[in-house]
Amino acid sequence: MLPDYMRPIPGDGTGNDMRWDSLTLEVELYLRTGNYHLLRDARVRQGRFVELEGNPRIAVAYYCMAFYSDLNGFDSIERLLYYQQDNFRNWRSSASVDAGIVNKIFGLCCRCGISEKELLTICRKAFISGIYQCHLFTTKECRELLLMSRDGRIGEINSRISQAETRFLSQFACQRQAAV
């Protein structure tokens, strides 16, 4: 998850700042190029970095950003544009819930005494609406899905993902008709 050379070193403030800057540059690059899968991975590495630095509460926010990214529905802007050219025929979203990220979020919440209410406040800040050109879920739905994930409601989550895909396709069809 985080290579040894990127791990924070106690007492190495300058080195740790450089490592953090490197992670931040990665995030900026992936945001600019629309590579959502790599953006998600960079958020996980940022979470791990601040966790290892001894800031688990901040780490929760970065892991929440990764969770939000997992629900995006597209790996990259290129895939979005590719499927858009073909009216999303044969499209399958990449939206998913990573149990490891969910466990990490709630494990840290438990360790730090973060209540459900506090977690939802963190999510409001971490789930940045508009960061992706397209997102299958609203930020409110993502918060609901996080709590469903905690409770192991897999069938309901899968159903919600399917409903969001259908909603997206119908919205796209309506947009196409309005443009014509």
N, C-alpha and C. Protein backbone atom coordinates (compact mmCIF):
# COMPACT_ATOMS: atom_id res chain seq x y z
N MET A 1 0.83 -1.18 0.00
CA MET A 1 0.00 0.00 0.00
C MET A 1 0.87 1.25 0.00
N LEU A 2 1.82 1.35 0.88
CA LEU A 2 2.73 2.49 0.93
C LEU A 2 4.14 1.92 0.94
N PRO A 3 4.90 2.15 -0.16
CA PRO A 3 6.26 1.60 -0.22
C PRO A 3 7.12 2.13 0.93
N ASP A 4 8.11 1.35 1.31
CA ASP A 4 8.98 1.74 2.43
C ASP A 4 9.60 3.12 2.26
N TYR A 5 10.01 3.45 1.03
CA TYR A 5 10.67 4.75 0.82
C TYR A 5 9.71 5.93 0.98
N MET A 6 8.40 5.65 0.99
CA MET A 6 7.41 6.72 1.17
C MET A 6 6.88 6.80 2.60
N ARG A 7 7.29 5.88 3.44
CA ARG A 7 6.81 5.89 4.82
C ARG A 7 7.43 7.07 5.58
N PRO A 8 6.64 7.71 6.44
CA PRO A 8 7.21 8.81 7.23
C PRO A 8 8.25 8.28 8.20
N ILE A 9 9.27 9.08 8.41
CA ILE A 9 10.36 8.71 9.32
C ILE A 9 10.30 9.66 10.51
N PRO A 10 10.14 9.13 11.71
CA PRO A 10 10.07 10.00 12.89
C PRO A 10 11.30 10.92 12.97
N GLY A 11 11.05 12.19 13.19
CA GLY A 11 12.13 13.15 13.35
C GLY A 11 12.68 13.71 12.04
N ASP A 12 12.19 13.22 10.91
CA ASP A 12 12.67 13.69 9.60
C ASP A 12 11.63 14.61 8.97
N GLY A 13 11.44 15.78 9.58
CA GLY A 13 10.41 16.71 9.14
C GLY A 13 10.53 17.08 7.67
N THR A 14 11.73 17.43 7.24
CA THR A 14 11.93 17.84 5.85
C THR A 14 11.68 16.68 4.90
N GLY A 15 12.20 15.53 5.22
CA GLY A 15 11.99 14.34 4.38
C GLY A 15 10.52 13.97 4.31
N ASN A 16 9.83 14.04 5.45
CA ASN A 16 8.41 13.71 5.46
C ASN A 16 7.61 14.73 4.66
N ASP A 17 8.00 16.00 4.74
CA ASP A 17 7.32 17.03 3.94
C ASP A 17 7.50 16.74 2.45
N MET A 18 8.69 16.31 2.07
CA MET A 18 8.95 15.98 0.65
C MET A 18 8.11 14.77 0.22
N ARG A 19 8.01 13.78 1.08
CA ARG A 19 7.20 12.61 0.77
C ARG A 19 5.74 13.01 0.60
N TRP A 20 5.24 13.84 1.52
CA TRP A 20 3.85 14.29 1.45
C TRP A 20 3.64 15.11 0.17
N ASP A 21 4.58 16.00 -0.15
CA ASP A 21 4.47 16.80 -1.37
C ASP A 21 4.40 15.91 -2.60
N SER A 22 5.15 14.83 -2.59
CA SER A 22 5.13 13.88 -3.71
C SER A 22 3.73 13.26 -3.85
N LEU A 23 3.13 12.88 -2.74
CA LEU A 23 1.77 12.31 -2.77
C LEU A 23 0.77 13.36 -3.26
N THR A 24 0.93 14.59 -2.82
CA THR A 24 0.03 15.67 -3.24
C THR A 24 0.15 15.93 -4.74
N LEU A 25 1.38 15.89 -5.26
CA LEU A 25 1.58 16.07 -6.70
C LEU A 25 0.92 14.95 -7.49
N GLU A 26 1.00 13.73 -6.97
CA GLU A 26 0.32 12.61 -7.62
C GLU A 26 -1.18 12.87 -7.71
N VAL A 27 -1.76 13.30 -6.60
CA VAL A 27 -3.20 13.57 -6.57
C VAL A 27 -3.56 14.62 -7.60
N GLU A 28 -2.79 15.70 -7.65
CA GLU A 28 -3.05 16.78 -8.61
C GLU A 28 -2.96 16.27 -10.04
N LEU A 29 -1.95 15.45 -10.31
CA LEU A 29 -1.78 14.89 -11.65
C LEU A 29 -2.98 14.04 -12.05
N TYR A 30 -3.41 13.16 -11.15
CA TYR A 30 -4.51 12.26 -11.47
C TYR A 30 -5.84 13.01 -11.58
N LEU A 31 -6.00 14.07 -10.81
CA LEU A 31 -7.19 14.90 -10.95
C LEU A 31 -7.19 15.59 -12.31
N ARG A 32 -6.04 16.13 -12.69
CA ARG A 32 -5.93 16.85 -13.97
C ARG A 32 -6.13 15.93 -15.16
N THR A 33 -5.61 14.72 -15.07
CA THR A 33 -5.70 13.79 -16.20
C THR A 33 -6.94 12.90 -16.15
N GLY A 34 -7.69 12.99 -15.06
CA GLY A 34 -8.92 12.20 -14.95
C GLY A 34 -8.68 10.72 -14.75
N ASN A 35 -7.55 10.36 -14.14
CA ASN A 35 -7.28 8.95 -13.88
C ASN A 35 -7.78 8.63 -12.46
N TYR A 36 -9.06 8.28 -12.39
CA TYR A 36 -9.72 8.12 -11.10
C TYR A 36 -9.23 6.92 -10.31
N HIS A 37 -8.85 5.87 -11.00
CA HIS A 37 -8.36 4.69 -10.29
C HIS A 37 -7.05 5.01 -9.56
N LEU A 38 -6.14 5.68 -10.26
CA LEU A 38 -4.87 6.03 -9.62
C LEU A 38 -5.06 7.12 -8.57
N LEU A 39 -6.04 8.00 -8.78
CA LEU A 39 -6.37 9.02 -7.78
C LEU A 39 -6.82 8.33 -6.49
N ARG A 40 -7.65 7.33 -6.63
CA ARG A 40 -8.14 6.57 -5.48
C ARG A 40 -6.97 5.93 -4.72
N ASP A 41 -6.05 5.33 -5.48
CA ASP A 41 -4.89 4.69 -4.85
C ASP A 41 -4.01 5.72 -4.13
N ALA A 42 -3.87 6.90 -4.72
CA ALA A 42 -3.08 7.96 -4.08
C ALA A 42 -3.74 8.41 -2.78
N ARG A 43 -5.05 8.47 -2.76
CA ARG A 43 -5.78 8.85 -1.53
C ARG A 43 -5.55 7.80 -0.43
N VAL A 44 -5.53 6.53 -0.82
CA VAL A 44 -5.26 5.47 0.16
C VAL A 44 -3.84 5.65 0.71
N ARG A 45 -2.88 5.94 -0.16
CA ARG A 45 -1.50 6.14 0.30
C ARG A 45 -1.40 7.37 1.21
N GLN A 46 -2.14 8.43 0.89
CA GLN A 46 -2.15 9.60 1.77
C GLN A 46 -2.72 9.22 3.13
N GLY A 47 -3.79 8.45 3.13
CA GLY A 47 -4.37 8.00 4.39
C GLY A 47 -3.39 7.21 5.22
N ARG A 48 -2.71 6.30 4.56
CA ARG A 48 -1.73 5.47 5.28
C ARG A 48 -0.57 6.31 5.81
N PHE A 49 -0.14 7.29 5.01
CA PHE A 49 0.96 8.16 5.41
C PHE A 49 0.61 8.91 6.69
N VAL A 50 -0.55 9.59 6.71
CA VAL A 50 -0.89 10.36 7.91
C VAL A 50 -1.22 9.45 9.09
N GLU A 51 -1.71 8.26 8.78
CA GLU A 51 -1.94 7.29 9.85
C GLU A 51 -0.62 6.90 10.50
N LEU A 52 0.39 6.62 9.69
CA LEU A 52 1.71 6.25 10.21
C LEU A 52 2.38 7.42 10.92
N GLU A 53 2.02 8.64 10.54
CA GLU A 53 2.56 9.82 11.22
C GLU A 53 1.89 10.03 12.58
N GLY A 54 0.86 9.25 12.86
CA GLY A 54 0.19 9.36 14.15
C GLY A 54 -1.04 10.25 14.12
N ASN A 55 -1.64 10.43 12.93
CA ASN A 55 -2.82 11.26 12.79
C ASN A 55 -4.00 10.43 12.26
N PRO A 56 -4.47 9.47 13.05
CA PRO A 56 -5.52 8.57 12.55
C PRO A 56 -6.83 9.29 12.21
N ARG A 57 -7.15 10.37 12.90
CA ARG A 57 -8.40 11.09 12.60
C ARG A 57 -8.34 11.70 11.20
N ILE A 58 -7.18 12.22 10.84
CA ILE A 58 -7.01 12.79 9.50
C ILE A 58 -7.01 11.65 8.47
N ALA A 59 -6.42 10.53 8.83
CA ALA A 59 -6.38 9.37 7.93
C ALA A 59 -7.79 8.94 7.55
N VAL A 60 -8.72 9.02 8.49
CA VAL A 60 -10.11 8.63 8.21
C VAL A 60 -10.63 9.44 7.02
N ALA A 61 -10.33 10.72 6.98
CA ALA A 61 -10.80 11.58 5.88
C ALA A 61 -10.24 11.11 4.54
N TYR A 62 -8.97 10.75 4.51
CA TYR A 62 -8.38 10.28 3.24
C TYR A 62 -8.95 8.93 2.82
N TYR A 63 -9.18 8.04 3.78
CA TYR A 63 -9.80 6.76 3.45
C TYR A 63 -11.24 6.98 2.97
N CYS A 64 -11.92 7.97 3.54
CA CYS A 64 -13.27 8.30 3.06
C CYS A 64 -13.22 8.81 1.61
N MET A 65 -12.19 9.58 1.28
CA MET A 65 -12.03 10.04 -0.11
C MET A 65 -11.86 8.86 -1.05
N ALA A 66 -11.11 7.85 -0.61
CA ALA A 66 -10.93 6.64 -1.43
C ALA A 66 -12.26 5.90 -1.58
N PHE A 67 -13.03 5.81 -0.50
CA PHE A 67 -14.34 5.17 -0.55
C PHE A 67 -15.23 5.89 -1.56
N TYR A 68 -15.25 7.21 -1.51
CA TYR A 68 -16.03 8.03 -2.44
C TYR A 68 -15.60 7.78 -3.88
N SER A 69 -14.31 7.67 -4.07
CA SER A 69 -13.77 7.40 -5.41
C SER A 69 -14.22 6.03 -5.92
N ASP A 70 -14.26 5.05 -5.04
CA ASP A 70 -14.69 3.71 -5.45
C ASP A 70 -16.12 3.70 -6.00
N LEU A 71 -16.93 4.64 -5.54
CA LEU A 71 -18.33 4.71 -5.98
C LEU A 71 -18.52 5.60 -7.20
N ASN A 72 -17.44 6.14 -7.71
CA ASN A 72 -17.50 7.05 -8.87
C ASN A 72 -18.20 6.43 -10.06
N GLY A 73 -17.84 5.20 -10.40
CA GLY A 73 -18.47 4.53 -11.53
C GLY A 73 -17.60 4.42 -12.76
N PHE A 74 -16.51 5.19 -12.78
CA PHE A 74 -15.60 5.17 -13.93
C PHE A 74 -14.16 5.12 -13.43
N ASP A 75 -13.31 4.36 -14.13
CA ASP A 75 -11.89 4.28 -13.78
C ASP A 75 -11.15 5.53 -14.22
N SER A 76 -11.63 6.15 -15.31
CA SER A 76 -10.93 7.31 -15.85
C SER A 76 -11.88 8.11 -16.74
N ILE A 77 -11.49 9.34 -17.00
CA ILE A 77 -12.26 10.18 -17.90
C ILE A 77 -12.22 9.59 -19.32
N GLU A 78 -11.13 8.92 -19.67
CA GLU A 78 -11.02 8.30 -20.99
C GLU A 78 -12.11 7.25 -21.19
N ARG A 79 -12.33 6.43 -20.17
CA ARG A 79 -13.38 5.40 -20.27
C ARG A 79 -14.76 6.04 -20.35
N LEU A 80 -14.97 7.11 -19.60
CA LEU A 80 -16.23 7.83 -19.65
C LEU A 80 -16.48 8.34 -21.08
N LEU A 81 -15.48 8.98 -21.66
CA LEU A 81 -15.63 9.52 -23.01
C LEU A 81 -15.80 8.41 -24.05
N TYR A 82 -15.06 7.32 -23.87
CA TYR A 82 -15.16 6.19 -24.79
C TYR A 82 -16.59 5.65 -24.82
N TYR A 83 -17.14 5.38 -23.64
CA TYR A 83 -18.50 4.83 -23.59
C TYR A 83 -19.54 5.87 -24.00
N GLN A 84 -19.26 7.12 -23.74
CA GLN A 84 -20.19 8.18 -24.13
C GLN A 84 -20.35 8.23 -25.65
N GLN A 85 -19.26 8.03 -26.38
CA GLN A 85 -19.31 8.03 -27.85
C GLN A 85 -20.24 6.95 -28.38
N ASP A 86 -20.36 5.87 -27.63
CA ASP A 86 -21.18 4.74 -28.06
C ASP A 86 -22.50 4.70 -27.27
N ASN A 87 -22.92 5.85 -26.74
CA ASN A 87 -24.16 5.95 -25.96
C ASN A 87 -24.21 4.98 -24.78
N PHE A 88 -23.06 4.70 -24.22
CA PHE A 88 -22.91 3.83 -23.05
C PHE A 88 -23.40 2.41 -23.29
N ARG A 89 -23.41 2.00 -24.55
CA ARG A 89 -23.76 0.62 -24.88
C ARG A 89 -22.65 -0.30 -24.34
N ASN A 90 -23.02 -1.38 -23.71
CA ASN A 90 -22.10 -2.37 -23.11
C ASN A 90 -21.29 -1.81 -21.95
N TRP A 91 -21.73 -0.69 -21.39
CA TRP A 91 -21.02 -0.09 -20.26
C TRP A 91 -21.35 -0.82 -18.98
N ARG A 92 -20.35 -1.05 -18.18
CA ARG A 92 -20.50 -1.58 -16.82
C ARG A 92 -19.73 -0.64 -15.92
N SER A 93 -20.38 -0.15 -14.92
CA SER A 93 -19.71 0.79 -14.02
C SER A 93 -18.65 0.07 -13.19
N SER A 94 -17.70 0.85 -12.74
CA SER A 94 -16.66 0.30 -11.86
C SER A 94 -16.99 0.58 -10.39
N ALA A 95 -18.20 1.07 -10.13
CA ALA A 95 -18.59 1.38 -8.75
C ALA A 95 -18.55 0.12 -7.89
N SER A 96 -17.93 0.26 -6.74
CA SER A 96 -17.81 -0.88 -5.83
C SER A 96 -17.52 -0.38 -4.42
N VAL A 97 -17.62 -1.29 -3.49
CA VAL A 97 -17.27 -1.00 -2.10
C VAL A 97 -16.12 -1.91 -1.74
N ASP A 98 -15.01 -1.32 -1.31
CA ASP A 98 -13.83 -2.07 -0.90
C ASP A 98 -13.92 -2.34 0.60
N ALA A 99 -14.13 -3.59 0.94
CA ALA A 99 -14.29 -3.96 2.36
C ALA A 99 -13.06 -3.56 3.18
N GLY A 100 -11.89 -3.61 2.58
CA GLY A 100 -10.67 -3.23 3.30
C GLY A 100 -10.68 -1.76 3.70
N ILE A 101 -11.16 -0.91 2.80
CA ILE A 101 -11.24 0.53 3.11
C ILE A 101 -12.31 0.77 4.18
N VAL A 102 -13.44 0.10 4.03
CA VAL A 102 -14.52 0.24 5.03
C VAL A 102 -14.02 -0.19 6.40
N ASN A 103 -13.33 -1.34 6.46
CA ASN A 103 -12.79 -1.82 7.74
C ASN A 103 -11.77 -0.85 8.31
N LYS A 104 -10.95 -0.26 7.45
CA LYS A 104 -9.95 0.70 7.89
C LYS A 104 -10.64 1.93 8.49
N ILE A 105 -11.65 2.44 7.79
CA ILE A 105 -12.38 3.62 8.28
C ILE A 105 -12.98 3.35 9.65
N PHE A 106 -13.71 2.26 9.78
CA PHE A 106 -14.40 2.00 11.04
C PHE A 106 -13.46 1.52 12.13
N GLY A 107 -12.36 0.86 11.76
CA GLY A 107 -11.34 0.50 12.75
C GLY A 107 -10.70 1.74 13.36
N LEU A 108 -10.37 2.71 12.50
CA LEU A 108 -9.79 3.96 13.01
C LEU A 108 -10.82 4.75 13.82
N CYS A 109 -12.06 4.74 13.38
CA CYS A 109 -13.11 5.43 14.15
C CYS A 109 -13.21 4.85 15.55
N CYS A 110 -13.16 3.55 15.63
CA CYS A 110 -13.23 2.86 16.92
C CYS A 110 -12.02 3.25 17.78
N ARG A 111 -10.85 3.20 17.18
CA ARG A 111 -9.60 3.49 17.88
C ARG A 111 -9.56 4.94 18.39
N CYS A 112 -10.13 5.86 17.61
CA CYS A 112 -10.06 7.28 17.95
C CYS A 112 -11.31 7.79 18.66
N GLY A 113 -12.30 6.94 18.80
CA GLY A 113 -13.54 7.37 19.43
C GLY A 113 -14.37 8.31 18.57
N ILE A 114 -14.28 8.13 17.25
CA ILE A 114 -15.07 8.96 16.33
C ILE A 114 -16.47 8.38 16.27
N SER A 115 -17.45 9.20 16.62
CA SER A 115 -18.85 8.76 16.62
C SER A 115 -19.37 8.73 15.18
N GLU A 116 -20.53 8.10 15.01
CA GLU A 116 -21.15 8.06 13.68
C GLU A 116 -21.44 9.48 13.18
N LYS A 117 -21.90 10.33 14.08
CA LYS A 117 -22.19 11.72 13.71
C LYS A 117 -20.92 12.44 13.25
N GLU A 118 -19.82 12.25 13.98
CA GLU A 118 -18.54 12.85 13.58
C GLU A 118 -18.07 12.31 12.24
N LEU A 119 -18.25 10.99 12.04
CA LEU A 119 -17.85 10.38 10.79
C LEU A 119 -18.63 10.99 9.62
N LEU A 120 -19.91 11.17 9.80
CA LEU A 120 -20.72 11.75 8.73
C LEU A 120 -20.30 13.19 8.44
N THR A 121 -19.84 13.91 9.46
CA THR A 121 -19.30 15.26 9.25
C THR A 121 -18.00 15.19 8.46
N ILE A 122 -17.15 14.24 8.79
CA ILE A 122 -15.90 14.03 8.03
C ILE A 122 -16.24 13.72 6.58
N CYS A 123 -17.23 12.85 6.38
CA CYS A 123 -17.63 12.49 5.02
C CYS A 123 -18.13 13.69 4.24
N ARG A 124 -18.87 14.58 4.88
CA ARG A 124 -19.37 15.78 4.19
C ARG A 124 -18.23 16.59 3.61
N LYS A 125 -17.09 16.59 4.32
CA LYS A 125 -15.92 17.34 3.84
C LYS A 125 -15.09 16.52 2.85
N ALA A 126 -15.04 15.20 3.05
CA ALA A 126 -14.21 14.33 2.20
C ALA A 126 -14.87 13.97 0.88
N PHE A 127 -16.20 13.89 0.87
CA PHE A 127 -16.93 13.56 -0.35
C PHE A 127 -17.17 14.87 -1.10
N ILE A 128 -16.24 15.22 -1.95
CA ILE A 128 -16.25 16.50 -2.62
C ILE A 128 -17.07 16.40 -3.90
N SER A 129 -18.24 16.99 -3.84
CA SER A 129 -19.13 17.00 -5.00
C SER A 129 -18.46 17.76 -6.15
N GLY A 130 -18.53 17.20 -7.36
CA GLY A 130 -17.97 17.87 -8.53
C GLY A 130 -16.51 17.58 -8.80
N ILE A 131 -15.86 16.79 -7.96
CA ILE A 131 -14.44 16.49 -8.19
C ILE A 131 -14.27 15.58 -9.42
N TYR A 132 -15.29 14.79 -9.69
CA TYR A 132 -15.30 13.93 -10.87
C TYR A 132 -16.25 14.52 -11.90
N GLN A 133 -15.94 14.34 -13.16
CA GLN A 133 -16.83 14.86 -14.21
C GLN A 133 -18.20 14.19 -14.12
N CYS A 134 -18.22 13.02 -13.56
CA CYS A 134 -19.45 12.25 -13.47
C CYS A 134 -19.37 11.39 -12.22
N HIS A 135 -20.46 11.27 -11.50
CA HIS A 135 -20.47 10.40 -10.32
C HIS A 135 -21.84 9.76 -10.24
N LEU A 136 -21.87 8.47 -9.99
CA LEU A 136 -23.14 7.74 -9.96
C LEU A 136 -24.01 8.11 -8.77
N PHE A 137 -23.38 8.52 -7.68
CA PHE A 137 -24.10 8.75 -6.43
C PHE A 137 -23.96 10.18 -5.96
N THR A 138 -24.97 10.64 -5.24
CA THR A 138 -24.86 11.92 -4.54
C THR A 138 -23.98 11.70 -3.32
N THR A 139 -23.49 12.77 -2.74
CA THR A 139 -22.67 12.63 -1.53
C THR A 139 -23.51 12.04 -0.39
N LYS A 140 -24.78 12.39 -0.33
CA LYS A 140 -25.65 11.83 0.71
C LYS A 140 -25.78 10.31 0.53
N GLU A 141 -25.96 9.87 -0.71
CA GLU A 141 -26.06 8.43 -0.98
C GLU A 141 -24.76 7.73 -0.60
N CYS A 142 -23.62 8.36 -0.84
CA CYS A 142 -22.33 7.76 -0.49
C CYS A 142 -22.21 7.60 1.02
N ARG A 143 -22.68 8.58 1.78
CA ARG A 143 -22.67 8.46 3.25
C ARG A 143 -23.55 7.29 3.68
N GLU A 144 -24.72 7.16 3.06
CA GLU A 144 -25.62 6.05 3.38
C GLU A 144 -24.95 4.71 3.05
N LEU A 145 -24.29 4.65 1.90
CA LEU A 145 -23.63 3.41 1.49
C LEU A 145 -22.48 3.05 2.44
N LEU A 146 -21.80 4.05 2.97
CA LEU A 146 -20.73 3.77 3.94
C LEU A 146 -21.31 3.10 5.18
N LEU A 147 -22.42 3.61 5.67
CA LEU A 147 -23.05 3.00 6.85
C LEU A 147 -23.61 1.62 6.53
N MET A 148 -24.16 1.44 5.35
CA MET A 148 -24.62 0.10 4.93
C MET A 148 -23.45 -0.87 4.87
N SER A 149 -22.31 -0.38 4.39
CA SER A 149 -21.12 -1.23 4.29
C SER A 149 -20.67 -1.68 5.66
N ARG A 150 -20.70 -0.76 6.60
CA ARG A 150 -20.32 -1.10 7.98
C ARG A 150 -21.22 -2.22 8.51
N ASP A 151 -22.50 -2.14 8.15
CA ASP A 151 -23.47 -3.11 8.65
C ASP A 151 -23.52 -4.39 7.82
N GLY A 152 -22.71 -4.48 6.76
CA GLY A 152 -22.65 -5.69 5.95
C GLY A 152 -23.86 -5.92 5.08
N ARG A 153 -24.52 -4.87 4.67
CA ARG A 153 -25.74 -4.99 3.86
C ARG A 153 -25.39 -5.05 2.37
N ILE A 154 -24.68 -6.11 2.00
CA ILE A 154 -24.13 -6.27 0.66
C ILE A 154 -25.21 -6.29 -0.42
N GLY A 155 -26.27 -7.05 -0.19
CA GLY A 155 -27.34 -7.14 -1.18
C GLY A 155 -27.95 -5.78 -1.47
N GLU A 156 -28.18 -5.02 -0.42
CA GLU A 156 -28.76 -3.68 -0.58
C GLU A 156 -27.78 -2.75 -1.29
N ILE A 157 -26.51 -2.88 -1.00
CA ILE A 157 -25.48 -2.05 -1.67
C ILE A 157 -25.47 -2.37 -3.16
N ASN A 158 -25.45 -3.65 -3.49
CA ASN A 158 -25.44 -4.05 -4.91
C ASN A 158 -26.69 -3.54 -5.63
N SER A 159 -27.80 -3.60 -4.94
CA SER A 159 -29.05 -3.09 -5.52
C SER A 159 -28.96 -1.58 -5.76
N ARG A 160 -28.39 -0.86 -4.80
CA ARG A 160 -28.24 0.60 -4.95
C ARG A 160 -27.31 0.93 -6.12
N ILE A 161 -26.23 0.15 -6.27
CA ILE A 161 -25.32 0.39 -7.39
C ILE A 161 -26.04 0.17 -8.71
N SER A 162 -26.80 -0.90 -8.79
CA SER A 162 -27.57 -1.20 -10.00
C SER A 162 -28.58 -0.08 -10.29
N GLN A 163 -29.27 0.39 -9.27
CA GLN A 163 -30.24 1.48 -9.44
C GLN A 163 -29.54 2.76 -9.90
N ALA A 164 -28.36 3.04 -9.36
CA ALA A 164 -27.62 4.24 -9.74
C ALA A 164 -27.16 4.15 -11.19
N GLU A 165 -26.75 2.97 -11.62
CA GLU A 165 -26.36 2.78 -13.03
C GLU A 165 -27.55 3.04 -13.94
N THR A 166 -28.70 2.49 -13.58
CA THR A 166 -29.92 2.69 -14.38
C THR A 166 -30.29 4.17 -14.41
N ARG A 167 -30.22 4.83 -13.27
CA ARG A 167 -30.52 6.25 -13.19
C ARG A 167 -29.57 7.07 -14.07
N PHE A 168 -28.29 6.73 -14.01
CA PHE A 168 -27.29 7.43 -14.83
C PHE A 168 -27.62 7.27 -16.31
N LEU A 169 -27.89 6.04 -16.72
CA LEU A 169 -28.19 5.79 -18.14
C LEU A 169 -29.45 6.52 -18.58
N SER A 170 -30.47 6.58 -17.72
CA SER A 170 -31.69 7.28 -18.11
C SER A 170 -31.45 8.80 -18.15
N GLN A 171 -30.64 9.32 -17.24
CA GLN A 171 -30.30 10.75 -17.28
C GLN A 171 -29.52 11.07 -18.54
N PHE A 172 -28.61 10.18 -18.90
CA PHE A 172 -27.81 10.39 -20.11
C PHE A 172 -28.72 10.39 -21.33
N ALA A 173 -29.66 9.46 -21.37
CA ALA A 173 -30.60 9.38 -22.51
C ALA A 173 -31.42 10.66 -22.60
N CYS A 174 -31.87 11.18 -21.46
CA CYS A 174 -32.65 12.43 -21.45
C CYS A 174 -31.80 13.60 -21.93
N GLN A 175 -30.54 13.64 -21.54
CA GLN A 175 -29.64 14.71 -21.96
C GLN A 175 -29.42 14.64 -23.47
N ARG A 176 -29.29 13.43 -23.99
CA ARG A 176 -29.08 13.24 -25.44
C ARG A 176 -30.31 13.73 -26.21
N GLN A 177 -31.49 13.39 -25.71
CA GLN A 177 -32.72 13.81 -26.40
C GLN A 177 -32.88 15.33 -26.35
N ALA A 178 -32.53 15.93 -25.24
CA ALA A 178 -32.65 17.40 -25.10
C ALA A 178 -31.67 18.10 -26.02
N ALA A 179 -30.52 17.49 -26.28
CA ALA A 179 -29.51 18.10 -27.16
C ALA A 179 -29.91 18.01 -28.61
N VAL A 180 -30.74 17.03 -28.95
CA VAL A 180 -31.16 16.83 -30.34
C VAL A 180 -32.26 17.72 -30.70
